[in-house]
């Protein structure tokens, strides 16, 4: 049975988590516990730090279970 990815959003950032490929290394919660928690639901809270720190941490994910997408800003 496939487990669906979860989405977490702010005004500028969307983070997805795919539990089906997560290796449960805990790097995310050890290094950025104010955003990624292993004991609080929802376990990702994007409001607790700036976007650059979140992106930097997501890039460290060894399994690729965490991904991000920035909202494109309109140009006029």
PDB file of N, CA and C in Angstrom:
ATOM      1  N   UNK A   1       0.833  -1.174   0.000  1.00  0.00           N
ATOM      2  CA  UNK A   1       0.000   0.000   0.000  1.00  0.00           C
ATOM      3  C   UNK A   1       0.883   1.246   0.000  1.00  0.00           C
ATOM      4  N   UNK A   2       0.635   2.159  -0.920  1.00  0.00           N
ATOM      5  CA  UNK A   2       1.416   3.389  -1.027  1.00  0.00           C
ATOM      6  C   UNK A   2       0.859   4.438  -0.061  1.00  0.00           C
ATOM      7  N   UNK A   3       1.783   5.088   0.649  1.00  0.00           N
ATOM      8  CA  UNK A   3       1.411   6.159   1.559  1.00  0.00           C
ATOM      9  C   UNK A   3       1.574   7.474   0.810  1.00  0.00           C
ATOM     10  N   UNK A   4       0.560   8.319   0.866  1.00  0.00           N
ATOM     11  CA  UNK A   4       0.577   9.577   0.141  1.00  0.00           C
ATOM     12  C   UNK A   4       1.528  10.587   0.767  1.00  0.00           C
ATOM     13  N   UNK A   5       2.101  11.426  -0.069  1.00  0.00           N
ATOM     14  CA  UNK A   5       2.953  12.523   0.392  1.00  0.00           C
ATOM     15  C   UNK A   5       2.121  13.539   1.146  1.00  0.00           C
ATOM     16  N   UNK A   6       2.760  14.214   2.081  1.00  0.00           N
ATOM     17  CA  UNK A   6       2.119  15.271   2.861  1.00  0.00           C
ATOM     18  C   UNK A   6       2.650  16.606   2.378  1.00  0.00           C
ATOM     19  N   UNK A   7       1.798  17.659   2.390  1.00  0.00           N
ATOM     20  CA  UNK A   7       2.202  18.999   2.004  1.00  0.00           C
ATOM     21  C   UNK A   7       2.063  19.944   3.176  1.00  0.00           C
ATOM     22  N   UNK A   8       3.040  20.837   3.293  1.00  0.00           N
ATOM     23  CA  UNK A   8       3.040  21.870   4.316  1.00  0.00           C
ATOM     24  C   UNK A   8       3.355  23.172   3.591  1.00  0.00           C
ATOM     25  N   UNK A   9       2.581  24.242   3.860  1.00  0.00           N
ATOM     26  CA  UNK A   9       2.724  25.465   3.072  1.00  0.00           C
ATOM     27  C   UNK A   9       2.813  26.713   3.931  1.00  0.00           C
ATOM     28  N   UNK A  10       3.544  27.682   3.379  1.00  0.00           N
ATOM     29  CA  UNK A  10       3.489  29.064   3.851  1.00  0.00           C
ATOM     30  C   UNK A  10       3.122  29.895   2.625  1.00  0.00           C
ATOM     31  N   UNK A  11       3.134  31.175   2.782  1.00  0.00           N
ATOM     32  CA  UNK A  11       2.824  32.044   1.654  1.00  0.00           C
ATOM     33  C   UNK A  11       3.828  31.876   0.521  1.00  0.00           C
ATOM     34  N   UNK A  12       5.092  31.629   0.844  1.00  0.00           N
ATOM     35  CA  UNK A  12       6.150  31.566  -0.166  1.00  0.00           C
ATOM     36  C   UNK A  12       6.732  30.181  -0.427  1.00  0.00           C
ATOM     37  N   UNK A  13       6.431  29.210   0.422  1.00  0.00           N
ATOM     38  CA  UNK A  13       7.125  27.924   0.374  1.00  0.00           C
ATOM     39  C   UNK A  13       6.145  26.765   0.532  1.00  0.00           C
ATOM     40  N   UNK A  14       6.364  25.724  -0.268  1.00  0.00           N
ATOM     41  CA  UNK A  14       5.642  24.465  -0.104  1.00  0.00           C
ATOM     42  C   UNK A  14       6.681  23.370   0.144  1.00  0.00           C
ATOM     43  N   UNK A  15       6.492  22.622   1.218  1.00  0.00           N
ATOM     44  CA  UNK A  15       7.365  21.495   1.544  1.00  0.00           C
ATOM     45  C   UNK A  15       6.537  20.227   1.429  1.00  0.00           C
ATOM     46  N   UNK A  16       7.087  19.230   0.754  1.00  0.00           N
ATOM     47  CA  UNK A  16       6.424  17.935   0.685  1.00  0.00           C
ATOM     48  C   UNK A  16       7.287  16.895   1.388  1.00  0.00           C
ATOM     49  N   UNK A  17       6.597  15.946   1.989  1.00  0.00           N
ATOM     50  CA  UNK A  17       7.254  14.850   2.703  1.00  0.00           C
ATOM     51  C   UNK A  17       6.663  13.547   2.202  1.00  0.00           C
ATOM     52  N   UNK A  18       7.515  12.654   1.723  1.00  0.00           N
ATOM     53  CA  UNK A  18       7.079  11.353   1.230  1.00  0.00           C
ATOM     54  C   UNK A  18       7.502  10.279   2.228  1.00  0.00           C
ATOM     55  N   UNK A  19       6.577   9.843   3.091  1.00  0.00           N
ATOM     56  CA  UNK A  19       6.929   8.853   4.106  1.00  0.00           C
ATOM     57  C   UNK A  19       7.324   7.498   3.527  1.00  0.00           C
ATOM     58  N   UNK A  20       6.959   7.240   2.291  1.00  0.00           N
ATOM     59  CA  UNK A  20       7.294   5.969   1.658  1.00  0.00           C
ATOM     60  C   UNK A  20       8.774   5.807   1.344  1.00  0.00           C
ATOM     61  N   UNK A  21       9.505   6.924   1.241  1.00  0.00           N
ATOM     62  CA  UNK A  21      10.935   6.819   0.949  1.00  0.00           C
ATOM     63  C   UNK A  21      11.811   7.338   2.089  1.00  0.00           C
ATOM     64  N   UNK A  22      11.205   7.858   3.135  1.00  0.00           N
ATOM     65  CA  UNK A  22      11.964   8.385   4.273  1.00  0.00           C
ATOM     66  C   UNK A  22      12.759   7.262   4.948  1.00  0.00           C
ATOM     67  N   UNK A  23      14.023   7.534   5.245  1.00  0.00           N
ATOM     68  CA  UNK A  23      14.897   6.559   5.914  1.00  0.00           C
ATOM     69  C   UNK A  23      14.923   6.767   7.431  1.00  0.00           C
ATOM     70  N   UNK A  24      14.161   7.745   7.929  1.00  0.00           N
ATOM     71  CA  UNK A  24      14.061   8.030   9.362  1.00  0.00           C
ATOM     72  C   UNK A  24      15.427   8.276  10.003  1.00  0.00           C
ATOM     73  N   UNK A  25      16.280   8.977   9.289  1.00  0.00           N
ATOM     74  CA  UNK A  25      17.615   9.284   9.817  1.00  0.00           C
ATOM     75  C   UNK A  25      17.543  10.287  10.964  1.00  0.00           C
ATOM     76  N   UNK A  26      16.527  11.129  10.974  1.00  0.00           N
ATOM     77  CA  UNK A  26      16.363  12.111  12.039  1.00  0.00           C
ATOM     78  C   UNK A  26      17.207  13.359  11.869  1.00  0.00           C
ATOM     79  N   UNK A  27      17.907  13.478  10.749  1.00  0.00           N
ATOM     80  CA  UNK A  27      18.751  14.649  10.522  1.00  0.00           C
ATOM     81  C   UNK A  27      17.928  15.926  10.580  1.00  0.00           C
ATOM     82  N   UNK A  28      16.748  15.916   9.997  1.00  0.00           N
ATOM     83  CA  UNK A  28      15.930  17.123   9.963  1.00  0.00           C
ATOM     84  C   UNK A  28      15.564  17.586  11.372  1.00  0.00           C
ATOM     85  N   UNK A  29      15.097  16.678  12.219  1.00  0.00           N
ATOM     86  CA  UNK A  29      14.681  17.079  13.567  1.00  0.00           C
ATOM     87  C   UNK A  29      15.859  17.364  14.495  1.00  0.00           C
ATOM     88  N   UNK A  30      16.993  16.738  14.259  1.00  0.00           N
ATOM     89  CA  UNK A  30      18.181  17.015  15.081  1.00  0.00           C
ATOM     90  C   UNK A  30      18.762  18.385  14.770  1.00  0.00           C
ATOM     91  N   UNK A  31      18.804  18.737  13.488  1.00  0.00           N
ATOM     92  CA  UNK A  31      19.452  19.979  13.076  1.00  0.00           C
ATOM     93  C   UNK A  31      18.534  21.202  13.085  1.00  0.00           C
ATOM     94  N   UNK A  32      17.235  21.000  12.921  1.00  0.00           N
ATOM     95  CA  UNK A  32      16.300  22.129  12.865  1.00  0.00           C
ATOM     96  C   UNK A  32      15.009  21.755  13.593  1.00  0.00           C
ATOM     97  N   UNK A  33      15.145  21.517  14.885  1.00  0.00           N
ATOM     98  CA  UNK A  33      14.025  21.009  15.685  1.00  0.00           C
ATOM     99  C   UNK A  33      12.870  22.003  15.831  1.00  0.00           C
ATOM    100  N   UNK A  34      13.123  23.291  15.603  1.00  0.00           N
ATOM    101  CA  UNK A  34      12.023  24.250  15.687  1.00  0.00           C
ATOM    102  C   UNK A  34      11.064  24.138  14.505  1.00  0.00           C
ATOM    103  N   UNK A  35      11.482  23.448  13.451  1.00  0.00           N
ATOM    104  CA  UNK A  35      10.626  23.226  12.281  1.00  0.00           C
ATOM    105  C   UNK A  35      10.204  21.766  12.166  1.00  0.00           C
ATOM    106  N   UNK A  36      11.153  20.850  12.311  1.00  0.00           N
ATOM    107  CA  UNK A  36      10.896  19.421  12.142  1.00  0.00           C
ATOM    108  C   UNK A  36      10.907  18.745  13.509  1.00  0.00           C
ATOM    109  N   UNK A  37       9.791  18.147  13.862  1.00  0.00           N
ATOM    110  CA  UNK A  37       9.670  17.510  15.176  1.00  0.00           C
ATOM    111  C   UNK A  37       9.424  16.024  15.005  1.00  0.00           C
ATOM    112  N   UNK A  38       9.949  15.239  15.923  1.00  0.00           N
ATOM    113  CA  UNK A  38       9.641  13.802  15.883  1.00  0.00           C
ATOM    114  C   UNK A  38       8.605  13.424  16.933  1.00  0.00           C
ATOM    115  N   UNK A  39       8.035  14.441  17.617  1.00  0.00           N
ATOM    116  CA  UNK A  39       7.060  14.111  18.661  1.00  0.00           C
ATOM    117  C   UNK A  39       5.807  14.986  18.660  1.00  0.00           C
ATOM    118  N   UNK A  40       5.724  15.983  17.801  1.00  0.00           N
ATOM    119  CA  UNK A  40       4.563  16.876  17.763  1.00  0.00           C
ATOM    120  C   UNK A  40       3.879  16.753  16.403  1.00  0.00           C
ATOM    121  N   UNK A  41       2.568  16.754  16.405  1.00  0.00           N
ATOM    122  CA  UNK A  41       1.791  16.697  15.170  1.00  0.00           C
ATOM    123  C   UNK A  41       1.158  18.068  14.964  1.00  0.00           C
ATOM    124  N   UNK A  42       1.212  18.716  13.817  1.00  0.00           N
ATOM    125  CA  UNK A  42       1.938  18.259  12.638  1.00  0.00           C
ATOM    126  C   UNK A  42       3.438  18.353  12.859  1.00  0.00           C
ATOM    127  N   UNK A  43       4.164  17.426  12.333  1.00  0.00           N
ATOM    128  CA  UNK A  43       5.587  17.342  12.657  1.00  0.00           C
ATOM    129  C   UNK A  43       6.447  18.335  11.886  1.00  0.00           C
ATOM    130  N   UNK A  44       5.860  19.011  10.889  1.00  0.00           N
ATOM    131  CA  UNK A  44       6.555  20.096  10.206  1.00  0.00           C
ATOM    132  C   UNK A  44       5.772  21.379  10.439  1.00  0.00           C
ATOM    133  N   UNK A  45       6.440  22.377  11.024  1.00  0.00           N
ATOM    134  CA  UNK A  45       5.822  23.671  11.264  1.00  0.00           C
ATOM    135  C   UNK A  45       6.726  24.738  10.648  1.00  0.00           C
ATOM    136  N   UNK A  46       6.348  25.214   9.486  1.00  0.00           N
ATOM    137  CA  UNK A  46       7.183  26.121   8.708  1.00  0.00           C
ATOM    138  C   UNK A  46       7.201  27.545   9.248  1.00  0.00           C
ATOM    139  N   UNK A  47       6.406  27.835  10.244  1.00  0.00           N
ATOM    140  CA  UNK A  47       6.321  29.188  10.777  1.00  0.00           C
ATOM    141  C   UNK A  47       7.431  29.519  11.767  1.00  0.00           C
ATOM    142  N   UNK A  48       8.233  28.584  12.154  1.00  0.00           N
ATOM    143  CA  UNK A  48       9.180  28.779  13.243  1.00  0.00           C
ATOM    144  C   UNK A  48      10.562  29.277  12.854  1.00  0.00           C
ATOM    145  N   UNK A  49      10.851  29.412  11.579  1.00  0.00           N
ATOM    146  CA  UNK A  49      12.160  29.923  11.149  1.00  0.00           C
ATOM    147  C   UNK A  49      12.059  30.450   9.729  1.00  0.00           C
ATOM    148  N   UNK A  50      13.129  31.025   9.240  1.00  0.00           N
ATOM    149  CA  UNK A  50      13.065  31.620   7.900  1.00  0.00           C
ATOM    150  C   UNK A  50      13.222  30.565   6.804  1.00  0.00           C
ATOM    151  N   UNK A  51      12.743  30.919   5.647  1.00  0.00           N
ATOM    152  CA  UNK A  51      12.697  30.016   4.500  1.00  0.00           C
ATOM    153  C   UNK A  51      14.072  29.491   4.109  1.00  0.00           C
ATOM    154  N   UNK A  52      15.082  30.337   4.151  1.00  0.00           N
ATOM    155  CA  UNK A  52      16.433  29.898   3.761  1.00  0.00           C
ATOM    156  C   UNK A  52      16.957  28.770   4.644  1.00  0.00           C
ATOM    157  N   UNK A  53      16.702  28.840   5.941  1.00  0.00           N
ATOM    158  CA  UNK A  53      17.133  27.770   6.852  1.00  0.00           C
ATOM    159  C   UNK A  53      16.397  26.469   6.552  1.00  0.00           C
ATOM    160  N   UNK A  54      15.120  26.573   6.260  1.00  0.00           N
ATOM    161  CA  UNK A  54      14.316  25.380   5.946  1.00  0.00           C
ATOM    162  C   UNK A  54      14.845  24.714   4.676  1.00  0.00           C
ATOM    163  N   UNK A  55      15.091  25.506   3.650  1.00  0.00           N
ATOM    164  CA  UNK A  55      15.595  24.966   2.381  1.00  0.00           C
ATOM    165  C   UNK A  55      16.959  24.312   2.582  1.00  0.00           C
ATOM    166  N   UNK A  56      17.826  24.962   3.324  1.00  0.00           N
ATOM    167  CA  UNK A  56      19.154  24.406   3.597  1.00  0.00           C
ATOM    168  C   UNK A  56      19.040  23.036   4.278  1.00  0.00           C
ATOM    169  N   UNK A  57      18.113  22.915   5.227  1.00  0.00           N
ATOM    170  CA  UNK A  57      17.929  21.645   5.928  1.00  0.00           C
ATOM    171  C   UNK A  57      17.338  20.581   5.015  1.00  0.00           C
ATOM    172  N   UNK A  58      16.371  20.944   4.197  1.00  0.00           N
ATOM    173  CA  UNK A  58      15.754  19.990   3.271  1.00  0.00           C
ATOM    174  C   UNK A  58      16.802  19.418   2.320  1.00  0.00           C
ATOM    175  N   UNK A  59      17.734  20.239   1.894  1.00  0.00           N
ATOM    176  CA  UNK A  59      18.786  19.773   0.979  1.00  0.00           C
ATOM    177  C   UNK A  59      19.698  18.741   1.630  1.00  0.00           C
ATOM    178  N   UNK A  60      19.691  18.642   2.951  1.00  0.00           N
ATOM    179  CA  UNK A  60      20.497  17.644   3.665  1.00  0.00           C
ATOM    180  C   UNK A  60      19.786  16.296   3.789  1.00  0.00           C
ATOM    181  N   UNK A  61      18.530  16.217   3.416  1.00  0.00           N
ATOM    182  CA  UNK A  61      17.751  14.986   3.569  1.00  0.00           C
ATOM    183  C   UNK A  61      18.394  13.860   2.751  1.00  0.00           C
ATOM    184  N   UNK A  62      18.876  12.804   3.408  1.00  0.00           N
ATOM    185  CA  UNK A  62      19.595  11.752   2.687  1.00  0.00           C
ATOM    186  C   UNK A  62      18.729  10.896   1.765  1.00  0.00           C
ATOM    187  N   UNK A  63      17.442  10.814   2.036  1.00  0.00           N
ATOM    188  CA  UNK A  63      16.576   9.958   1.227  1.00  0.00           C
ATOM    189  C   UNK A  63      15.847  10.713   0.126  1.00  0.00           C
ATOM    190  N   UNK A  64      15.780  12.037   0.242  1.00  0.00           N
ATOM    191  CA  UNK A  64      14.989  12.819  -0.711  1.00  0.00           C
ATOM    192  C   UNK A  64      13.516  12.837  -0.372  1.00  0.00           C
ATOM    193  N   UNK A  65      13.164  12.397   0.823  1.00  0.00           N
ATOM    194  CA  UNK A  65      11.760  12.380   1.234  1.00  0.00           C
ATOM    195  C   UNK A  65      11.204  13.788   1.421  1.00  0.00           C
ATOM    196  N   UNK A  66      12.082  14.733   1.758  1.00  0.00           N
ATOM    197  CA  UNK A  66      11.676  16.132   1.893  1.00  0.00           C
ATOM    198  C   UNK A  66      12.056  16.879   0.620  1.00  0.00           C
ATOM    199  N   UNK A  67      11.108  17.613   0.079  1.00  0.00           N
ATOM    200  CA  UNK A  67      11.340  18.438  -1.098  1.00  0.00           C
ATOM    201  C   UNK A  67      10.683  19.787  -0.861  1.00  0.00           C
ATOM    202  N   UNK A  68      11.103  20.791  -1.622  1.00  0.00           N
ATOM    203  CA  UNK A  68      10.500  22.107  -1.470  1.00  0.00           C
ATOM    204  C   UNK A  68      10.251  22.752  -2.826  1.00  0.00           C
ATOM    205  N   UNK A  69       9.328  23.707  -2.805  1.00  0.00           N
ATOM    206  CA  UNK A  69       9.044  24.513  -3.983  1.00  0.00           C
ATOM    207  C   UNK A  69       8.756  25.927  -3.502  1.00  0.00           C
ATOM    208  N   UNK A  70       9.421  26.888  -4.089  1.00  0.00           N
ATOM    209  CA  UNK A  70       9.182  28.293  -3.771  1.00  0.00           C
ATOM    210  C   UNK A  70       8.097  28.829  -4.689  1.00  0.00           C
ATOM    211  N   UNK A  71       7.258  29.687  -4.138  1.00  0.00           N
ATOM    212  CA  UNK A  71       6.228  30.316  -4.939  1.00  0.00           C
ATOM    213  C   UNK A  71       6.895  31.316  -5.869  1.00  0.00           C
ATOM    214  N   UNK A  72       6.513  31.249  -7.126  1.00  0.00           N
ATOM    215  CA  UNK A  72       7.068  32.191  -8.089  1.00  0.00           C
ATOM    216  C   UNK A  72       6.426  33.545  -7.868  1.00  0.00           C
ATOM    217  N   UNK A  73       7.252  34.552  -7.826  1.00  0.00           N
ATOM    218  CA  UNK A  73       6.756  35.907  -7.619  1.00  0.00           C
ATOM    219  C   UNK A  73       6.445  36.545  -8.972  1.00  0.00           C
ATOM    220  N   UNK A  74       5.313  37.186  -9.038  1.00  0.00           N
ATOM    221  CA  UNK A  74       4.907  37.847 -10.268  1.00  0.00           C
ATOM    222  C   UNK A  74       5.815  39.043 -10.540  1.00  0.00           C
ATOM    223  N   UNK A  75       6.161  39.200 -11.794  1.00  0.00           N
ATOM    224  CA  UNK A  75       6.945  40.363 -12.181  1.00  0.00           C
ATOM    225  C   UNK A  75       6.096  41.205 -13.124  1.00  0.00           C
ATOM    226  N   UNK A  76       6.173  42.490 -12.985  1.00  0.00           N
ATOM    227  CA  UNK A  76       5.345  43.396 -13.803  1.00  0.00           C
ATOM    228  C   UNK A  76       6.219  44.332 -14.577  1.00  0.00           C
TER     229      UNK A  76
END
